[in-house]
């Protein structure tokens, strides 16, 4: 699989498409590589690469397909952007597309596939789901042959003028270096998909897997250099489709990580600019290499006193020198990005998208993207990374918000405040206001800012934050409370890989790599594996068992409906005890937490509106049914979850 060079793959693709040329071809590639008939949007953008291809004439002769327009880009003549209209009734097949330049002619075959599924059948993801976040490079190395790419694929390979064959840098897997590639891949995730399924989650969010051909490497995947191909060190487009299919076979959804704010600095666009405004602050970079960096002042986007300079630096500044800022206001670039996301949904049938650095891109162009996706896939869900430490900042971005004069159209936002401070919410003693579980009560009280609290992605940690566990705990009482709240409260819960086996760490003690450690047992040479019960410690098995029991109960009926669709009512902590209930019709779940390190007694009169003596409940963990007699004794840091069904 990995023995062919990128160039040979390209040549093979073009040959299959019917290209026949005796000398250097006019066209070297076309994006997207193929498309489908019967799409809701009948316009198809072809982004064509080739030597002086802009100056070539183009002709199409295929029933139902017409050239609607050609973009007048003022950049490199090696690009041609053409818009086609494809009648919904067009018969699938291969479109002959002829390019001519002087006496030279080249005909390629562009494939229109038959749409084989109903896009309305894509359910998206919602509060009935629990996402399991994986950084592929650090999860499992299932195919060691794609670690060391063939010499012909490396950066020192013979160069050509092809848009792709500039060679890959930083090949190989070196687990001794925290910031290097460690070799995890799609095959590794596929090898352990039963482990993920058995854990009890219902969806997998995968960090970016598209090509990241960056100098020095980009193991995390957030510097895209090819939007239509899986990075060969992760696998192939075919393997990605197989992974999604295998997940679906087990009832698991897949959420794909995407980045529209920026690309990688080694993208061909940075070597040959398609237009003078393809990137923000492009003129400064072209003049002398100056990079205008973002100031990361996300509050400038709603600050009533913000200067134009601060807003420009925020939205148009480059994320880093290695991640140049794309200009979504260029309509042809934005059409490219919109079409690219639709390609991956249609081609691999992913169930959702997580969009990186959401506030850094143009708000209304991203709203246009969301609307375009939802026209094709009405039930699709997109979550945007809006990293604010306040509820007001997060709520500003949710669809239908009253605190934003413009509708950003984003259905799901992320609860970063909970993630950044959740560790002390559950570890500190619950006394007066501002301590322990009082913070949870006060945090939920601000949900009035959100149009739809059930579409908040809730999490305790992810690939960018400190692990919830800063160090290995002595006992799991506080950890269990955190897991219980995450999985029974409002919103869409997300777990970070390794949470179930107590992975821990902070960025202060080793940088990002210390919160993105390898999953033990996922890599050749590992002495033990956490993927089996025998490979885990007693404490790890206790954690796994608790989380798995909670997850599998959560996705059972009627618990899933109650949590996903039911109302939430909570009580301000009294004597360190926090109580809340989820209710749907006559079905009820009650969660009781002792936020202190001392035994406590829950007395029913205060909670009479949800707990009355004589009510019958069942403990969700042991299945024991009991009649509530008005009092419940709670051990230190106890968590009780009961239901009336």
Foldseek 3Di string as FASTA:
>chain_A
DQQDAPQVVQVVLQVVQPKDFPDADQWSAWPPQAEAAQFPQQKDKIKTFGDLQLQKDKDWDFPQKDWPDWDDFPWDSRITITMMGGHNPGDWDWIWMWIDDVPDIITTTHGYHYQDDALQPQQFDFQLFAEEEDLQQFEFQQDQVLQAHDPCQAQPHDDDPDQRRNHAAQGHADQVDLQHRHQGALNLCQVQVVLVVLLQGAEYEYQAFAADRAHVDDSRHPAHQDLNWGHSSRNTPVSLLVSQVSSVVSNHAYAYEDEDFWHFCSHSCVVIPRHCQQAFVSVVCVVPNDFLAAPCPLCLVQPPPHDPVNLCSQQRGAPDSRTTGGALVPVSSLVSVLVSVVCCCSSRVGNEYEYEPVSNHDQVSQLVSLVSNCSRRVNHAYEYEQDDLDPLSQQCQDAPFPSDPDGSNHHAYENNNCQAPVLQLLVFFDDDQPHHVNVVVVRVVPCVRHPAQRRYEYENDELQFFHSAADADPACLSVLVSLLCQSQDHYHYYYYPPVLQPQGHGCVPPHSSSRSHHQQPSYPPRPAHPSDPVRGDPRSVVSSVSSSLSSNLCSDPPNSVQRRPFDKDWDRDDQQKTKMWGDDVPKIKIKIWRSHQAKDKDFCPVVVVPDDFQQWKAFSRPRDIDTHHGMDIAHGSDMTMIISD
